[in-house]
């Protein structure tokens, strides 16, 4: 019986107001992930260039 009351309350209740502040959380996570990947690629490239410069040439 309680589940029926909860269902009716959910269906009758007004929708919650939408937050209009900035980007959505998923967009923010996607941007931050892109920044982290870019930094990781840059660090990897810098290490590769450094190691290749220090290797002896035959």
PDB file of N, CA and C in Angstrom:
ATOM      1  N   UNK A   1       0.817  -1.188   0.000  1.00  0.00           N
ATOM      2  CA  UNK A   1       0.000   0.000   0.000  1.00  0.00           C
ATOM      3  C   UNK A   1       0.866   1.261   0.000  1.00  0.00           C
ATOM      4  N   UNK A   2       1.984   1.191   0.726  1.00  0.00           N
ATOM      5  CA  UNK A   2       2.875   2.347   0.795  1.00  0.00           C
ATOM      6  C   UNK A   2       3.437   2.669  -0.585  1.00  0.00           C
ATOM      7  N   UNK A   3       3.753   1.642  -1.366  1.00  0.00           N
ATOM      8  CA  UNK A   3       4.325   1.891  -2.688  1.00  0.00           C
ATOM      9  C   UNK A   3       3.318   2.580  -3.607  1.00  0.00           C
ATOM     10  N   UNK A   4       2.051   2.280  -3.449  1.00  0.00           N
ATOM     11  CA  UNK A   4       1.016   2.942  -4.248  1.00  0.00           C
ATOM     12  C   UNK A   4       0.940   4.423  -3.877  1.00  0.00           C
ATOM     13  N   UNK A   5       1.021   4.721  -2.590  1.00  0.00           N
ATOM     14  CA  UNK A   5       0.981   6.114  -2.144  1.00  0.00           C
ATOM     15  C   UNK A   5       2.209   6.876  -2.650  1.00  0.00           C
ATOM     16  N   UNK A   6       3.369   6.238  -2.613  1.00  0.00           N
ATOM     17  CA  UNK A   6       4.582   6.883  -3.112  1.00  0.00           C
ATOM     18  C   UNK A   6       4.462   7.144  -4.607  1.00  0.00           C
ATOM     19  N   UNK A   7       3.929   6.179  -5.347  1.00  0.00           N
ATOM     20  CA  UNK A   7       3.749   6.337  -6.786  1.00  0.00           C
ATOM     21  C   UNK A   7       2.780   7.478  -7.093  1.00  0.00           C
ATOM     22  N   UNK A   8       1.683   7.549  -6.384  1.00  0.00           N
ATOM     23  CA  UNK A   8       0.714   8.626  -6.600  1.00  0.00           C
ATOM     24  C   UNK A   8       1.346   9.978  -6.253  1.00  0.00           C
ATOM     25  N   UNK A   9       2.074  10.031  -5.172  1.00  0.00           N
ATOM     26  CA  UNK A   9       2.760  11.272  -4.796  1.00  0.00           C
ATOM     27  C   UNK A   9       3.767  11.703  -5.847  1.00  0.00           C
ATOM     28  N   UNK A  10       4.457  10.756  -6.424  1.00  0.00           N
ATOM     29  CA  UNK A  10       5.433  11.062  -7.474  1.00  0.00           C
ATOM     30  C   UNK A  10       4.738  11.582  -8.727  1.00  0.00           C
ATOM     31  N   UNK A  11       3.623  10.990  -9.084  1.00  0.00           N
ATOM     32  CA  UNK A  11       2.917  11.386 -10.297  1.00  0.00           C
ATOM     33  C   UNK A  11       2.207  12.729 -10.150  1.00  0.00           C
ATOM     34  N   UNK A  12       1.741  13.053  -8.941  1.00  0.00           N
ATOM     35  CA  UNK A  12       0.973  14.268  -8.719  1.00  0.00           C
ATOM     36  C   UNK A  12       1.876  15.461  -8.393  1.00  0.00           C
ATOM     37  N   UNK A  13       3.051  15.212  -7.832  1.00  0.00           N
ATOM     38  CA  UNK A  13       3.940  16.287  -7.390  1.00  0.00           C
ATOM     39  C   UNK A  13       4.397  17.120  -8.581  1.00  0.00           C
ATOM     40  N   UNK A  14       4.532  18.429  -8.370  1.00  0.00           N
ATOM     41  CA  UNK A  14       5.031  19.283  -9.463  1.00  0.00           C
ATOM     42  C   UNK A  14       6.507  18.962  -9.737  1.00  0.00           C
ATOM     43  N   UNK A  15       6.926  19.118 -10.980  1.00  0.00           N
ATOM     44  CA  UNK A  15       8.325  18.826 -11.291  1.00  0.00           C
ATOM     45  C   UNK A  15       9.260  19.784 -10.559  1.00  0.00           C
ATOM     46  N   UNK A  16      10.414  19.282 -10.180  1.00  0.00           N
ATOM     47  CA  UNK A  16      11.378  20.124  -9.474  1.00  0.00           C
ATOM     48  C   UNK A  16      11.929  21.168 -10.436  1.00  0.00           C
ATOM     49  N   UNK A  17      12.204  22.363  -9.931  1.00  0.00           N
ATOM     50  CA  UNK A  17      12.734  23.411 -10.808  1.00  0.00           C
ATOM     51  C   UNK A  17      14.126  23.039 -11.316  1.00  0.00           C
ATOM     52  N   UNK A  18      14.410  23.384 -12.558  1.00  0.00           N
ATOM     53  CA  UNK A  18      15.697  23.065 -13.157  1.00  0.00           C
ATOM     54  C   UNK A  18      16.726  24.103 -12.728  1.00  0.00           C
ATOM     55  N   UNK A  19      17.909  23.639 -12.497  1.00  0.00           N
ATOM     56  CA  UNK A  19      19.001  24.537 -12.142  1.00  0.00           C
ATOM     57  C   UNK A  19      19.572  25.129 -13.430  1.00  0.00           C
ATOM     58  N   UNK A  20      19.664  26.427 -13.502  1.00  0.00           N
ATOM     59  CA  UNK A  20      20.164  27.096 -14.695  1.00  0.00           C
ATOM     60  C   UNK A  20      21.574  27.637 -14.471  1.00  0.00           C
ATOM     61  N   UNK A  21      22.289  27.069 -13.528  1.00  0.00           N
ATOM     62  CA  UNK A  21      23.620  27.566 -13.207  1.00  0.00           C
ATOM     63  C   UNK A  21      24.673  26.802 -13.983  1.00  0.00           C
ATOM     64  N   UNK A  22      25.245  27.391 -14.992  1.00  0.00           N
ATOM     65  CA  UNK A  22      26.407  26.850 -15.677  1.00  0.00           C
ATOM     66  C   UNK A  22      26.154  25.562 -16.440  1.00  0.00           C
ATOM     67  N   UNK A  23      27.241  24.832 -16.661  1.00  0.00           N
ATOM     68  CA  UNK A  23      27.201  23.612 -17.434  1.00  0.00           C
ATOM     69  C   UNK A  23      26.658  22.449 -16.619  1.00  0.00           C
ATOM     70  N   UNK A  24      26.223  21.425 -17.314  1.00  0.00           N
ATOM     71  CA  UNK A  24      25.776  20.237 -16.602  1.00  0.00           C
ATOM     72  C   UNK A  24      26.995  19.496 -16.064  1.00  0.00           C
ATOM     73  N   UNK A  25      26.760  18.625 -15.131  1.00  0.00           N
ATOM     74  CA  UNK A  25      27.868  17.915 -14.501  1.00  0.00           C
ATOM     75  C   UNK A  25      28.564  16.994 -15.495  1.00  0.00           C
ATOM     76  N   UNK A  26      27.818  16.365 -16.388  1.00  0.00           N
ATOM     77  CA  UNK A  26      28.446  15.476 -17.360  1.00  0.00           C
ATOM     78  C   UNK A  26      29.337  16.251 -18.325  1.00  0.00           C
ATOM     79  N   UNK A  27      28.932  17.459 -18.691  1.00  0.00           N
ATOM     80  CA  UNK A  27      29.772  18.289 -19.556  1.00  0.00           C
ATOM     81  C   UNK A  27      31.044  18.691 -18.829  1.00  0.00           C
ATOM     82  N   UNK A  28      30.900  19.032 -17.568  1.00  0.00           N
ATOM     83  CA  UNK A  28      32.068  19.407 -16.773  1.00  0.00           C
ATOM     84  C   UNK A  28      33.046  18.242 -16.648  1.00  0.00           C
ATOM     85  N   UNK A  29      32.529  17.058 -16.423  1.00  0.00           N
ATOM     86  CA  UNK A  29      33.386  15.874 -16.316  1.00  0.00           C
ATOM     87  C   UNK A  29      34.079  15.600 -17.651  1.00  0.00           C
ATOM     88  N   UNK A  30      33.367  15.774 -18.756  1.00  0.00           N
ATOM     89  CA  UNK A  30      33.967  15.545 -20.072  1.00  0.00           C
ATOM     90  C   UNK A  30      35.092  16.537 -20.342  1.00  0.00           C
ATOM     91  N   UNK A  31      34.889  17.795 -19.983  1.00  0.00           N
ATOM     92  CA  UNK A  31      35.929  18.806 -20.189  1.00  0.00           C
ATOM     93  C   UNK A  31      37.150  18.498 -19.333  1.00  0.00           C
ATOM     94  N   UNK A  32      36.936  18.163 -18.069  1.00  0.00           N
ATOM     95  CA  UNK A  32      38.055  17.845 -17.185  1.00  0.00           C
ATOM     96  C   UNK A  32      38.803  16.599 -17.655  1.00  0.00           C
ATOM     97  N   UNK A  33      38.089  15.612 -18.149  1.00  0.00           N
ATOM     98  CA  UNK A  33      38.729  14.410 -18.678  1.00  0.00           C
ATOM     99  C   UNK A  33      39.583  14.752 -19.891  1.00  0.00           C
ATOM    100  N   UNK A  34      39.079  15.600 -20.757  1.00  0.00           N
ATOM    101  CA  UNK A  34      39.854  16.027 -21.917  1.00  0.00           C
ATOM    102  C   UNK A  34      41.127  16.755 -21.520  1.00  0.00           C
ATOM    103  N   UNK A  35      41.042  17.605 -20.497  1.00  0.00           N
ATOM    104  CA  UNK A  35      42.229  18.319 -20.017  1.00  0.00           C
ATOM    105  C   UNK A  35      43.258  17.344 -19.451  1.00  0.00           C
ATOM    106  N   UNK A  36      42.800  16.376 -18.673  1.00  0.00           N
ATOM    107  CA  UNK A  36      43.716  15.395 -18.082  1.00  0.00           C
ATOM    108  C   UNK A  36      44.393  14.570 -19.168  1.00  0.00           C
ATOM    109  N   UNK A  37      43.648  14.148 -20.172  1.00  0.00           N
ATOM    110  CA  UNK A  37      44.229  13.360 -21.266  1.00  0.00           C
ATOM    111  C   UNK A  37      45.250  14.200 -22.030  1.00  0.00           C
ATOM    112  N   UNK A  38      44.938  15.469 -22.280  1.00  0.00           N
ATOM    113  CA  UNK A  38      45.871  16.350 -22.988  1.00  0.00           C
ATOM    114  C   UNK A  38      47.167  16.527 -22.209  1.00  0.00           C
ATOM    115  N   UNK A  39      47.070  16.715 -20.912  1.00  0.00           N
ATOM    116  CA  UNK A  39      48.268  16.861 -20.080  1.00  0.00           C
ATOM    117  C   UNK A  39      49.079  15.567 -20.094  1.00  0.00           C
ATOM    118  N   UNK A  40      48.403  14.429 -20.002  1.00  0.00           N
ATOM    119  CA  UNK A  40      49.119  13.147 -20.008  1.00  0.00           C
ATOM    120  C   UNK A  40      49.842  12.927 -21.331  1.00  0.00           C
ATOM    121  N   UNK A  41      49.215  13.264 -22.444  1.00  0.00           N
ATOM    122  CA  UNK A  41      49.860  13.105 -23.750  1.00  0.00           C
ATOM    123  C   UNK A  41      51.057  14.048 -23.859  1.00  0.00           C
ATOM    124  N   UNK A  42      50.920  15.279 -23.367  1.00  0.00           N
ATOM    125  CA  UNK A  42      52.025  16.237 -23.419  1.00  0.00           C
ATOM    126  C   UNK A  42      53.209  15.756 -22.580  1.00  0.00           C
ATOM    127  N   UNK A  43      52.947  15.228 -21.401  1.00  0.00           N
ATOM    128  CA  UNK A  43      54.030  14.719 -20.549  1.00  0.00           C
ATOM    129  C   UNK A  43      54.692  13.514 -21.214  1.00  0.00           C
ATOM    130  N   UNK A  44      53.905  12.628 -21.780  1.00  0.00           N
ATOM    131  CA  UNK A  44      54.468  11.467 -22.479  1.00  0.00           C
ATOM    132  C   UNK A  44      55.318  11.870 -23.662  1.00  0.00           C
ATOM    133  N   UNK A  45      54.869  12.857 -24.422  1.00  0.00           N
ATOM    134  CA  UNK A  45      55.650  13.331 -25.566  1.00  0.00           C
ATOM    135  C   UNK A  45      56.956  13.977 -25.110  1.00  0.00           C
ATOM    136  N   UNK A  46      56.901  14.753 -24.036  1.00  0.00           N
ATOM    137  CA  UNK A  46      58.111  15.403 -23.522  1.00  0.00           C
ATOM    138  C   UNK A  46      59.121  14.368 -23.043  1.00  0.00           C
ATOM    139  N   UNK A  47      58.660  13.344 -22.360  1.00  0.00           N
ATOM    140  CA  UNK A  47      59.568  12.286 -21.893  1.00  0.00           C
ATOM    141  C   UNK A  47      60.171  11.543 -23.073  1.00  0.00           C
ATOM    142  N   UNK A  48      59.375  11.251 -24.100  1.00  0.00           N
ATOM    143  CA  UNK A  48      59.882  10.553 -25.280  1.00  0.00           C
ATOM    144  C   UNK A  48      60.949  11.377 -25.989  1.00  0.00           C
ATOM    145  N   UNK A  49      60.705  12.665 -26.148  1.00  0.00           N
ATOM    146  CA  UNK A  49      61.692  13.539 -26.798  1.00  0.00           C
ATOM    147  C   UNK A  49      62.970  13.583 -25.978  1.00  0.00           C
ATOM    148  N   UNK A  50      62.841  13.691 -24.673  1.00  0.00           N
ATOM    149  CA  UNK A  50      64.022  13.752 -23.800  1.00  0.00           C
ATOM    150  C   UNK A  50      64.836  12.459 -23.878  1.00  0.00           C
ATOM    151  N   UNK A  51      64.179  11.321 -23.802  1.00  0.00           N
ATOM    152  CA  UNK A  51      64.881  10.040 -23.828  1.00  0.00           C
ATOM    153  C   UNK A  51      65.535   9.830 -25.191  1.00  0.00           C
ATOM    154  N   UNK A  52      64.846  10.154 -26.262  1.00  0.00           N
ATOM    155  CA  UNK A  52      65.430   9.988 -27.595  1.00  0.00           C
ATOM    156  C   UNK A  52      66.637  10.916 -27.785  1.00  0.00           C
ATOM    157  N   UNK A  53      66.630  12.091 -27.171  1.00  0.00           N
ATOM    158  CA  UNK A  53      67.762  12.995 -27.269  1.00  0.00           C
ATOM    159  C   UNK A  53      68.971  12.477 -26.505  1.00  0.00           C
ATOM    160  N   UNK A  54      68.752  11.724 -25.451  1.00  0.00           N
ATOM    161  CA  UNK A  54      69.859  11.219 -24.619  1.00  0.00           C
ATOM    162  C   UNK A  54      70.411   9.880 -25.108  1.00  0.00           C
ATOM    163  N   UNK A  55      69.714   9.220 -26.021  1.00  0.00           N
ATOM    164  CA  UNK A  55      70.205   7.935 -26.517  1.00  0.00           C
ATOM    165  C   UNK A  55      71.436   8.147 -27.396  1.00  0.00           C
ATOM    166  N   UNK A  56      72.419   7.262 -27.271  1.00  0.00           N
ATOM    167  CA  UNK A  56      73.605   7.405 -28.139  1.00  0.00           C
ATOM    168  C   UNK A  56      73.252   7.073 -29.592  1.00  0.00           C
ATOM    169  N   UNK A  57      73.843   7.814 -30.505  1.00  0.00           N
ATOM    170  CA  UNK A  57      73.626   7.572 -31.921  1.00  0.00           C
ATOM    171  C   UNK A  57      74.716   6.635 -32.429  1.00  0.00           C
ATOM    172  N   UNK A  58      74.344   5.608 -33.203  1.00  0.00           N
ATOM    173  CA  UNK A  58      75.371   4.656 -33.707  1.00  0.00           C
ATOM    174  C   UNK A  58      76.218   5.263 -34.810  1.00  0.00           C
TER     175      UNK A  58
END
